[in-house]
Amino acid sequence: MPTFHIEMFEGRSVEKKRELAAALTETTCKVLGVDAQSVDIIFTDVKTEDWATGGKLWSDPR
């Protein structure tokens, strides 16, 4: 059972998450030959103040 954990900045719409889930599921089924019901996708919305790259929070001015 493939499980995808996707972390991204908050603010994406439910419609965009649906679109991404459908695309990932379709591609996973084609490549791995699994049934769509076995593909799990977990979305985690992260605030920019809780994510840092290069030692700098994304909420800080760039």
PDB file of N, CA and C in Angstrom:
ATOM      1  N   MET A   1       0.851  -1.174   0.000  1.00  0.00           N
ATOM      2  CA  MET A   1       0.000   0.000   0.000  1.00  0.00           C
ATOM      3  C   MET A   1       0.897   1.237   0.000  1.00  0.00           C
ATOM      4  N   PRO A   2       1.008   1.951  -1.109  1.00  0.00           N
ATOM      5  CA  PRO A   2       1.798   3.176  -1.114  1.00  0.00           C
ATOM      6  C   PRO A   2       1.089   4.278  -0.330  1.00  0.00           C
ATOM      7  N   THR A   3       1.862   4.962   0.493  1.00  0.00           N
ATOM      8  CA  THR A   3       1.354   6.096   1.255  1.00  0.00           C
ATOM      9  C   THR A   3       2.251   7.289   1.000  1.00  0.00           C
ATOM     10  N   PHE A   4       1.649   8.387   0.597  1.00  0.00           N
ATOM     11  CA  PHE A   4       2.378   9.627   0.349  1.00  0.00           C
ATOM     12  C   PHE A   4       2.089  10.606   1.477  1.00  0.00           C
ATOM     13  N   HIS A   5       3.126  11.200   2.026  1.00  0.00           N
ATOM     14  CA  HIS A   5       2.998  12.260   3.023  1.00  0.00           C
ATOM     15  C   HIS A   5       3.441  13.549   2.344  1.00  0.00           C
ATOM     16  N   ILE A   6       2.535  14.486   2.202  1.00  0.00           N
ATOM     17  CA  ILE A   6       2.825  15.730   1.502  1.00  0.00           C
ATOM     18  C   ILE A   6       2.678  16.886   2.480  1.00  0.00           C
ATOM     19  N   GLU A   7       3.781  17.565   2.689  1.00  0.00           N
ATOM     20  CA  GLU A   7       3.779  18.747   3.542  1.00  0.00           C
ATOM     21  C   GLU A   7       3.948  19.962   2.648  1.00  0.00           C
ATOM     22  N   MET A   8       3.104  20.959   2.862  1.00  0.00           N
ATOM     23  CA  MET A   8       3.181  22.172   2.059  1.00  0.00           C
ATOM     24  C   MET A   8       2.615  23.328   2.860  1.00  0.00           C
ATOM     25  N   PHE A   9       2.969  24.537   2.422  1.00  0.00           N
ATOM     26  CA  PHE A   9       2.442  25.704   3.112  1.00  0.00           C
ATOM     27  C   PHE A   9       0.924  25.714   3.048  1.00  0.00           C
ATOM     28  N   GLU A  10       0.327  26.150   4.144  1.00  0.00           N
ATOM     29  CA  GLU A  10      -1.139  26.230   4.190  1.00  0.00           C
ATOM     30  C   GLU A  10      -1.648  27.240   3.167  1.00  0.00           C
ATOM     31  N   GLY A  11      -2.906  27.073   2.821  1.00  0.00           N
ATOM     32  CA  GLY A  11      -3.533  28.028   1.916  1.00  0.00           C
ATOM     33  C   GLY A  11      -4.004  27.428   0.606  1.00  0.00           C
ATOM     34  N   ARG A  12      -3.610  26.191   0.320  1.00  0.00           N
ATOM     35  CA  ARG A  12      -4.088  25.554  -0.906  1.00  0.00           C
ATOM     36  C   ARG A  12      -5.561  25.175  -0.714  1.00  0.00           C
ATOM     37  N   SER A  13      -6.331  25.312  -1.749  1.00  0.00           N
ATOM     38  CA  SER A  13      -7.757  25.016  -1.664  1.00  0.00           C
ATOM     39  C   SER A  13      -7.994  23.502  -1.654  1.00  0.00           C
ATOM     40  N   VAL A  14      -9.181  23.131  -1.189  1.00  0.00           N
ATOM     41  CA  VAL A  14      -9.580  21.725  -1.204  1.00  0.00           C
ATOM     42  C   VAL A  14      -9.608  21.221  -2.640  1.00  0.00           C
ATOM     43  N   GLU A  15     -10.016  22.068  -3.571  1.00  0.00           N
ATOM     44  CA  GLU A  15     -10.066  21.669  -4.975  1.00  0.00           C
ATOM     45  C   GLU A  15      -8.666  21.308  -5.491  1.00  0.00           C
ATOM     46  N   LYS A  16      -7.651  22.091  -5.120  1.00  0.00           N
ATOM     47  CA  LYS A  16      -6.274  21.800  -5.550  1.00  0.00           C
ATOM     48  C   LYS A  16      -5.769  20.511  -4.921  1.00  0.00           C
ATOM     49  N   LYS A  17      -6.132  20.268  -3.670  1.00  0.00           N
ATOM     50  CA  LYS A  17      -5.726  19.015  -3.012  1.00  0.00           C
ATOM     51  C   LYS A  17      -6.404  17.822  -3.690  1.00  0.00           C
ATOM     52  N   ARG A  18      -7.660  17.972  -4.054  1.00  0.00           N
ATOM     53  CA  ARG A  18      -8.367  16.908  -4.782  1.00  0.00           C
ATOM     54  C   ARG A  18      -7.677  16.616  -6.109  1.00  0.00           C
ATOM     55  N   GLU A  19      -7.317  17.677  -6.820  1.00  0.00           N
ATOM     56  CA  GLU A  19      -6.658  17.535  -8.116  1.00  0.00           C
ATOM     57  C   GLU A  19      -5.317  16.827  -7.978  1.00  0.00           C
ATOM     58  N   LEU A  20      -4.530  17.214  -6.985  1.00  0.00           N
ATOM     59  CA  LEU A  20      -3.238  16.579  -6.761  1.00  0.00           C
ATOM     60  C   LEU A  20      -3.414  15.128  -6.338  1.00  0.00           C
ATOM     61  N   ALA A  21      -4.366  14.861  -5.461  1.00  0.00           N
ATOM     62  CA  ALA A  21      -4.621  13.484  -5.016  1.00  0.00           C
ATOM     63  C   ALA A  21      -5.003  12.585  -6.190  1.00  0.00           C
ATOM     64  N   ALA A  22      -5.848  13.087  -7.066  1.00  0.00           N
ATOM     65  CA  ALA A  22      -6.265  12.301  -8.228  1.00  0.00           C
ATOM     66  C   ALA A  22      -5.086  12.029  -9.160  1.00  0.00           C
ATOM     67  N   ALA A  23      -4.268  13.049  -9.409  1.00  0.00           N
ATOM     68  CA  ALA A  23      -3.121  12.887 -10.311  1.00  0.00           C
ATOM     69  C   ALA A  23      -2.092  11.921  -9.734  1.00  0.00           C
ATOM     70  N   LEU A  24      -1.796  12.052  -8.440  1.00  0.00           N
ATOM     71  CA  LEU A  24      -0.824  11.145  -7.810  1.00  0.00           C
ATOM     72  C   LEU A  24      -1.336   9.705  -7.797  1.00  0.00           C
ATOM     73  N   THR A  25      -2.612   9.551  -7.515  1.00  0.00           N
ATOM     74  CA  THR A  25      -3.196   8.211  -7.480  1.00  0.00           C
ATOM     75  C   THR A  25      -3.160   7.572  -8.862  1.00  0.00           C
ATOM     76  N   GLU A  26      -3.554   8.313  -9.880  1.00  0.00           N
ATOM     77  CA  GLU A  26      -3.550   7.789 -11.248  1.00  0.00           C
ATOM     78  C   GLU A  26      -2.147   7.355 -11.671  1.00  0.00           C
ATOM     79  N   THR A  27      -1.171   8.202 -11.428  1.00  0.00           N
ATOM     80  CA  THR A  27       0.208   7.884 -11.817  1.00  0.00           C
ATOM     81  C   THR A  27       0.746   6.697 -11.024  1.00  0.00           C
ATOM     82  N   THR A  28       0.450   6.657  -9.739  1.00  0.00           N
ATOM     83  CA  THR A  28       0.913   5.544  -8.899  1.00  0.00           C
ATOM     84  C   THR A  28       0.338   4.221  -9.389  1.00  0.00           C
ATOM     85  N   CYS A  29      -0.941   4.220  -9.737  1.00  0.00           N
ATOM     86  CA  CYS A  29      -1.576   2.996 -10.238  1.00  0.00           C
ATOM     87  C   CYS A  29      -0.932   2.535 -11.539  1.00  0.00           C
ATOM     88  N   LYS A  30      -0.649   3.469 -12.434  1.00  0.00           N
ATOM     89  CA  LYS A  30      -0.013   3.121 -13.713  1.00  0.00           C
ATOM     90  C   LYS A  30       1.388   2.567 -13.512  1.00  0.00           C
ATOM     91  N   VAL A  31       2.176   3.243 -12.690  1.00  0.00           N
ATOM     92  CA  VAL A  31       3.584   2.869 -12.530  1.00  0.00           C
ATOM     93  C   VAL A  31       3.745   1.610 -11.691  1.00  0.00           C
ATOM     94  N   LEU A  32       3.002   1.519 -10.591  1.00  0.00           N
ATOM     95  CA  LEU A  32       3.176   0.386  -9.678  1.00  0.00           C
ATOM     96  C   LEU A  32       2.197  -0.756  -9.918  1.00  0.00           C
ATOM     97  N   GLY A  33       1.184  -0.518 -10.728  1.00  0.00           N
ATOM     98  CA  GLY A  33       0.208  -1.566 -11.004  1.00  0.00           C
ATOM     99  C   GLY A  33      -0.632  -1.920  -9.792  1.00  0.00           C
ATOM    100  N   VAL A  34      -0.983  -0.901  -9.002  1.00  0.00           N
ATOM    101  CA  VAL A  34      -1.806  -1.149  -7.821  1.00  0.00           C
ATOM    102  C   VAL A  34      -3.203  -0.584  -8.038  1.00  0.00           C
ATOM    103  N   ASP A  35      -4.133  -1.018  -7.200  1.00  0.00           N
ATOM    104  CA  ASP A  35      -5.497  -0.527  -7.241  1.00  0.00           C
ATOM    105  C   ASP A  35      -5.567   0.842  -6.564  1.00  0.00           C
ATOM    106  N   ALA A  36      -6.396   1.715  -7.065  1.00  0.00           N
ATOM    107  CA  ALA A  36      -6.520   3.071  -6.512  1.00  0.00           C
ATOM    108  C   ALA A  36      -6.880   3.059  -5.024  1.00  0.00           C
ATOM    109  N   GLN A  37      -7.636   2.062  -4.609  1.00  0.00           N
ATOM    110  CA  GLN A  37      -8.049   1.983  -3.203  1.00  0.00           C
ATOM    111  C   GLN A  37      -6.884   1.720  -2.255  1.00  0.00           C
ATOM    112  N   SER A  38      -5.742   1.323  -2.806  1.00  0.00           N
ATOM    113  CA  SER A  38      -4.589   1.045  -1.935  1.00  0.00           C
ATOM    114  C   SER A  38      -3.655   2.245  -1.788  1.00  0.00           C
ATOM    115  N   VAL A  39      -3.948   3.327  -2.488  1.00  0.00           N
ATOM    116  CA  VAL A  39      -3.090   4.522  -2.452  1.00  0.00           C
ATOM    117  C   VAL A  39      -3.621   5.506  -1.412  1.00  0.00           C
ATOM    118  N   ASP A  40      -2.776   5.811  -0.433  1.00  0.00           N
ATOM    119  CA  ASP A  40      -3.132   6.793   0.593  1.00  0.00           C
ATOM    120  C   ASP A  40      -2.287   8.041   0.412  1.00  0.00           C
ATOM    121  N   ILE A  41      -2.914   9.201   0.599  1.00  0.00           N
ATOM    122  CA  ILE A  41      -2.217  10.482   0.511  1.00  0.00           C
ATOM    123  C   ILE A  41      -2.611  11.290   1.738  1.00  0.00           C
ATOM    124  N   ILE A  42      -1.603  11.734   2.476  1.00  0.00           N
ATOM    125  CA  ILE A  42      -1.831  12.508   3.686  1.00  0.00           C
ATOM    126  C   ILE A  42      -1.274  13.914   3.459  1.00  0.00           C
ATOM    127  N   PHE A  43      -2.151  14.897   3.511  1.00  0.00           N
ATOM    128  CA  PHE A  43      -1.731  16.287   3.356  1.00  0.00           C
ATOM    129  C   PHE A  43      -1.541  16.916   4.735  1.00  0.00           C
ATOM    130  N   THR A  44      -0.434  17.604   4.907  1.00  0.00           N
ATOM    131  CA  THR A  44      -0.188  18.356   6.132  1.00  0.00           C
ATOM    132  C   THR A  44       0.077  19.801   5.749  1.00  0.00           C
ATOM    133  N   ASP A  45      -0.789  20.693   6.221  1.00  0.00           N
ATOM    134  CA  ASP A  45      -0.607  22.120   5.979  1.00  0.00           C
ATOM    135  C   ASP A  45       0.311  22.677   7.062  1.00  0.00           C
ATOM    136  N   VAL A  46       1.322  23.403   6.635  1.00  0.00           N
ATOM    137  CA  VAL A  46       2.315  23.950   7.555  1.00  0.00           C
ATOM    138  C   VAL A  46       2.325  25.468   7.435  1.00  0.00           C
ATOM    139  N   LYS A  47       2.332  26.138   8.563  1.00  0.00           N
ATOM    140  CA  LYS A  47       2.443  27.599   8.567  1.00  0.00           C
ATOM    141  C   LYS A  47       3.866  27.975   8.174  1.00  0.00           C
ATOM    142  N   THR A  48       4.014  29.114   7.516  1.00  0.00           N
ATOM    143  CA  THR A  48       5.350  29.542   7.094  1.00  0.00           C
ATOM    144  C   THR A  48       6.265  29.803   8.285  1.00  0.00           C
ATOM    145  N   GLU A  49       5.688  30.084   9.446  1.00  0.00           N
ATOM    146  CA  GLU A  49       6.505  30.293  10.644  1.00  0.00           C
ATOM    147  C   GLU A  49       7.031  28.984  11.223  1.00  0.00           C
ATOM    148  N   ASP A  50       6.528  27.861  10.724  1.00  0.00           N
ATOM    149  CA  ASP A  50       6.956  26.544  11.200  1.00  0.00           C
ATOM    150  C   ASP A  50       7.854  25.825  10.204  1.00  0.00           C
ATOM    151  N   TRP A  51       8.367  26.543   9.207  1.00  0.00           N
ATOM    152  CA  TRP A  51       9.199  25.932   8.163  1.00  0.00           C
ATOM    153  C   TRP A  51      10.389  26.849   7.915  1.00  0.00           C
ATOM    154  N   ALA A  52      11.571  26.278   7.930  1.00  0.00           N
ATOM    155  CA  ALA A  52      12.778  27.070   7.670  1.00  0.00           C
ATOM    156  C   ALA A  52      13.612  26.396   6.594  1.00  0.00           C
ATOM    157  N   THR A  53      14.244  27.204   5.783  1.00  0.00           N
ATOM    158  CA  THR A  53      15.184  26.731   4.768  1.00  0.00           C
ATOM    159  C   THR A  53      16.425  27.609   4.859  1.00  0.00           C
ATOM    160  N   GLY A  54      17.575  26.987   4.875  1.00  0.00           N
ATOM    161  CA  GLY A  54      18.806  27.749   4.953  1.00  0.00           C
ATOM    162  C   GLY A  54      18.922  28.553   6.237  1.00  0.00           C
ATOM    163  N   GLY A  55      18.319  28.046   7.310  1.00  0.00           N
ATOM    164  CA  GLY A  55      18.400  28.711   8.600  1.00  0.00           C
ATOM    165  C   GLY A  55      17.474  29.894   8.762  1.00  0.00           C
ATOM    166  N   LYS A  56      16.554  30.091   7.828  1.00  0.00           N
ATOM    167  CA  LYS A  56      15.661  31.240   7.871  1.00  0.00           C
ATOM    168  C   LYS A  56      14.215  30.780   7.735  1.00  0.00           C
ATOM    169  N   LEU A  57      13.358  31.283   8.623  1.00  0.00           N
ATOM    170  CA  LEU A  57      11.947  30.955   8.544  1.00  0.00           C
ATOM    171  C   LEU A  57      11.336  31.552   7.282  1.00  0.00           C
ATOM    172  N   TRP A  58      10.422  30.826   6.677  1.00  0.00           N
ATOM    173  CA  TRP A  58       9.747  31.323   5.485  1.00  0.00           C
ATOM    174  C   TRP A  58       8.870  32.529   5.800  1.00  0.00           C
ATOM    175  N   SER A  59       8.475  32.686   7.049  1.00  0.00           N
ATOM    176  CA  SER A  59       7.667  33.841   7.437  1.00  0.00           C
ATOM    177  C   SER A  59       8.501  35.114   7.556  1.00  0.00           C
ATOM    178  N   ASP A  60       9.822  34.982   7.629  1.00  0.00           N
ATOM    179  CA  ASP A  60      10.713  36.148   7.700  1.00  0.00           C
ATOM    180  C   ASP A  60      10.859  36.788   6.322  1.00  0.00           C
ATOM    181  N   PRO A  61      11.054  38.092   6.297  1.00  0.00           N
ATOM    182  CA  PRO A  61      11.256  38.761   4.991  1.00  0.00           C
ATOM    183  C   PRO A  61      12.450  38.164   4.258  1.00  0.00           C
ATOM    184  N   ARG A  62      12.330  38.054   2.965  1.00  0.00           N
ATOM    185  CA  ARG A  62      13.398  37.468   2.159  1.00  0.00           C
ATOM    186  C   ARG A  62      14.026  38.506   1.300  1.00  0.00           C
TER     187      ARG A  62
END
